[in-house]
């Protein structure tokens, strides 16, 4: 049997033949850290999934790359974003952290468990919520990812109205 271990801050992904299994490790790091390090793993964790087929993992990773590109486009086309955020776009690593931060915040805002605003990550200066974390296009992407994983039921459909 072929095994491959991929370590993250809070979880280990074990690849066994054509199946990914998420194994709980110690409580190192936080959910926010997991979203910044491995957004798909964090999405699976908050959705209560513990395994998935290899092909589905790769499909979701590809979809997350599309989400990151779209988030970056939302930021660069925003008319009200603080220019400090756009300075991150010169560095690929910082740009990735910023797009993952927005994905984390949007996911938590849409998830049924995280209803208190103290659960949402914050930035200073603040991002324009309606153009980023509450953007309907981004919300559709998150719901589509949830549909691919068959966990749409743990997310609110009309999140802006549900606040």
Protein backbone atom coordinates (compact mmCIF):
# COMPACT_ATOMS: atom_id res chain seq x y z
CA UNK A 1 0.00 0.00 0.00
CA UNK A 2 1.34 3.42 -0.98
CA UNK A 3 1.11 6.14 1.72
CA UNK A 4 1.96 9.79 1.37
CA UNK A 5 1.74 12.22 4.30
CA UNK A 6 1.14 15.91 3.77
CA UNK A 7 1.46 17.86 7.02
CA UNK A 8 -0.50 20.96 7.86
CA UNK A 9 -0.80 22.89 11.10
CA UNK A 10 -3.83 21.07 12.50
CA UNK A 11 -4.45 18.07 10.30
CA UNK A 12 -2.65 15.42 8.32
CA UNK A 13 -3.85 14.29 4.94
CA UNK A 14 -3.09 10.65 4.29
CA UNK A 15 -3.24 9.52 0.68
CA UNK A 16 -4.21 5.85 0.47
CA UNK A 17 -4.57 4.58 -3.11
CA UNK A 18 -7.31 6.86 -4.52
CA UNK A 19 -8.66 8.26 -1.23
CA UNK A 20 -7.62 11.20 0.93
CA UNK A 21 -8.22 10.71 4.65
CA UNK A 22 -7.98 13.61 7.08
CA UNK A 23 -6.49 12.51 10.38
CA UNK A 24 -6.70 14.70 13.48
CA UNK A 25 -3.37 15.72 14.96
CA UNK A 26 -2.73 17.79 18.05
CA UNK A 27 -4.40 21.18 18.45
CA UNK A 28 -1.47 23.11 17.00
CA UNK A 29 -2.44 26.31 15.26
CA UNK A 30 -5.89 27.73 14.77
CA UNK A 31 -8.62 27.45 12.20
CA UNK A 32 -7.50 30.81 10.81
CA UNK A 33 -3.95 29.44 10.43
CA UNK A 34 -5.34 26.41 8.64
CA UNK A 35 -7.26 28.62 6.19
CA UNK A 36 -4.09 30.58 5.44
CA UNK A 37 -1.97 27.45 5.07
CA UNK A 38 -4.39 25.07 3.35
CA UNK A 39 -7.81 26.56 2.52
CA UNK A 40 -9.26 23.32 1.15
CA UNK A 41 -8.31 21.42 4.30
CA UNK A 42 -9.91 24.18 6.40
CA UNK A 43 -13.05 24.12 4.25
CA UNK A 44 -13.30 20.35 4.69
CA UNK A 45 -12.73 20.68 8.43
CA UNK A 46 -15.51 23.26 8.98
CA UNK A 47 -17.79 21.20 6.74
CA UNK A 48 -17.27 18.06 8.82
CA UNK A 49 -15.63 16.00 6.07
CA UNK A 50 -12.93 13.53 6.98
CA UNK A 51 -12.17 11.87 3.62
CA UNK A 52 -12.59 12.30 -0.11
CA UNK A 53 -11.58 10.72 -3.40
CA UNK A 54 -8.30 11.83 -4.95
CA UNK A 55 -10.00 13.08 -8.12
CA UNK A 56 -12.40 15.17 -6.05
CA UNK A 57 -9.48 16.66 -4.07
CA UNK A 58 -7.80 17.75 -7.29
CA UNK A 59 -11.07 19.16 -8.68
CA UNK A 60 -11.60 21.19 -5.50
CA UNK A 61 -7.99 22.44 -5.53
CA UNK A 62 -8.47 23.63 -9.10
CA UNK A 63 -11.72 25.35 -8.15
CA UNK A 64 -9.96 27.07 -5.23
CA UNK A 65 -7.33 28.38 -7.64
CA UNK A 66 -10.18 29.91 -9.67
CA UNK A 67 -11.67 31.42 -6.51
CA UNK A 68 -8.28 32.96 -5.62
CA UNK A 69 -7.98 34.47 -9.11
CA UNK A 70 -11.48 35.91 -8.83
CA UNK A 71 -10.80 37.35 -5.37
CA UNK A 72 -7.66 39.02 -6.70
CA UNK A 73 -9.70 40.46 -9.55
CA UNK A 74 -12.34 41.74 -7.10
CA UNK A 75 -9.61 43.55 -5.18
CA UNK A 76 -7.93 45.11 -8.19
CA UNK A 77 -11.26 46.31 -9.61
CA UNK A 78 -12.55 47.70 -6.32
CA UNK A 79 -13.15 51.44 -6.27
CA UNK A 80 -13.17 51.74 -2.50
CA UNK A 81 -10.32 49.50 -1.34
CA UNK A 82 -7.56 51.09 0.69
CA UNK A 83 -4.45 51.37 -1.48
CA UNK A 84 -2.41 49.65 1.23
CA UNK A 85 -3.97 46.31 0.19
CA UNK A 86 -2.93 46.78 -3.42
CA UNK A 87 0.69 47.08 -2.30
CA UNK A 88 0.46 43.36 -1.41
CA UNK A 89 -0.08 42.51 -5.03
CA UNK A 90 3.56 43.07 -5.91
CA UNK A 91 4.51 40.02 -3.84
CA UNK A 92 3.02 36.66 -4.83
CA UNK A 93 3.15 35.25 -1.28
CA UNK A 94 1.43 38.28 0.29
CA UNK A 95 -1.17 38.30 -2.49
CA UNK A 96 -1.91 34.63 -1.76
CA UNK A 97 -2.26 35.34 1.97
CA UNK A 98 -4.65 38.21 1.27
CA UNK A 99 -6.85 36.17 -1.07
CA UNK A 100 -6.91 33.28 1.43
CA UNK A 101 -7.79 35.73 4.21
CA UNK A 102 -10.80 36.90 2.18
CA UNK A 103 -11.79 33.31 1.36
CA UNK A 104 -11.60 32.45 5.08
CA UNK A 105 -13.68 35.44 6.10
CA UNK A 106 -16.31 34.85 3.41
CA UNK A 107 -16.55 31.14 4.26
CA UNK A 108 -17.00 31.85 7.96
CA UNK A 109 -19.66 34.50 7.26
CA UNK A 110 -21.62 32.01 5.16
CA UNK A 111 -21.22 29.01 7.47
CA UNK A 112 -24.11 28.29 9.84
CA UNK A 113 -21.83 27.67 12.84
CA UNK A 114 -19.97 31.01 12.75
CA UNK A 115 -22.80 33.46 13.30
CA UNK A 116 -21.20 35.83 15.79
CA UNK A 117 -19.14 38.62 14.23
CA UNK A 118 -16.35 37.98 16.75
CA UNK A 119 -15.69 34.75 14.83
CA UNK A 120 -14.75 36.62 11.66
CA UNK A 121 -11.17 37.62 10.93
CA UNK A 122 -10.59 41.36 10.71
CA UNK A 123 -8.16 43.58 8.91
CA UNK A 124 -7.01 47.12 9.49
CA UNK A 125 -7.68 49.05 7.41
CA UNK A 126 -10.96 47.26 6.78
CA UNK A 127 -11.76 45.69 3.45
CA UNK A 128 -14.89 46.93 1.68
CA UNK A 129 -17.21 44.06 2.72
CA UNK A 130 -19.69 44.44 -0.13
CA UNK A 131 -16.87 44.20 -2.68
CA UNK A 132 -14.97 41.36 -1.01
CA UNK A 133 -16.23 39.03 1.73
CA UNK A 134 -19.92 39.75 1.05
CA UNK A 135 -19.60 39.87 -2.73
CA UNK A 136 -22.38 37.79 -4.35
CA UNK A 137 -19.97 36.40 -6.95
CA UNK A 138 -17.63 35.09 -4.22
CA UNK A 139 -20.57 33.72 -2.26
CA UNK A 140 -21.70 31.79 -5.35
CA UNK A 141 -18.22 30.30 -5.63
CA UNK A 142 -18.26 29.16 -2.01
CA UNK A 143 -21.69 27.61 -2.44
CA UNK A 144 -20.51 25.88 -5.60
CA UNK A 145 -17.49 24.44 -3.76
CA UNK A 146 -19.87 23.27 -1.02
CA UNK A 147 -22.08 21.67 -3.69
CA UNK A 148 -19.11 19.86 -5.23
CA UNK A 149 -18.38 18.43 -1.77
CA UNK A 150 -22.09 17.82 -1.04
CA UNK A 151 -22.03 19.99 2.10
CA UNK A 152 -24.12 22.93 0.93
CA UNK A 153 -26.51 22.34 3.83
CA UNK A 154 -23.98 23.75 6.34
CA UNK A 155 -23.95 27.13 4.57
CA UNK A 156 -26.56 29.87 4.38
CA UNK A 157 -27.86 30.44 0.86
CA UNK A 158 -28.72 34.15 1.15
CA UNK A 159 -26.01 35.21 3.53
CA UNK A 160 -26.30 38.98 3.18
CA UNK A 161 -29.95 38.75 4.22
CA UNK A 162 -29.10 36.32 7.04
CA UNK A 163 -26.73 38.63 8.95
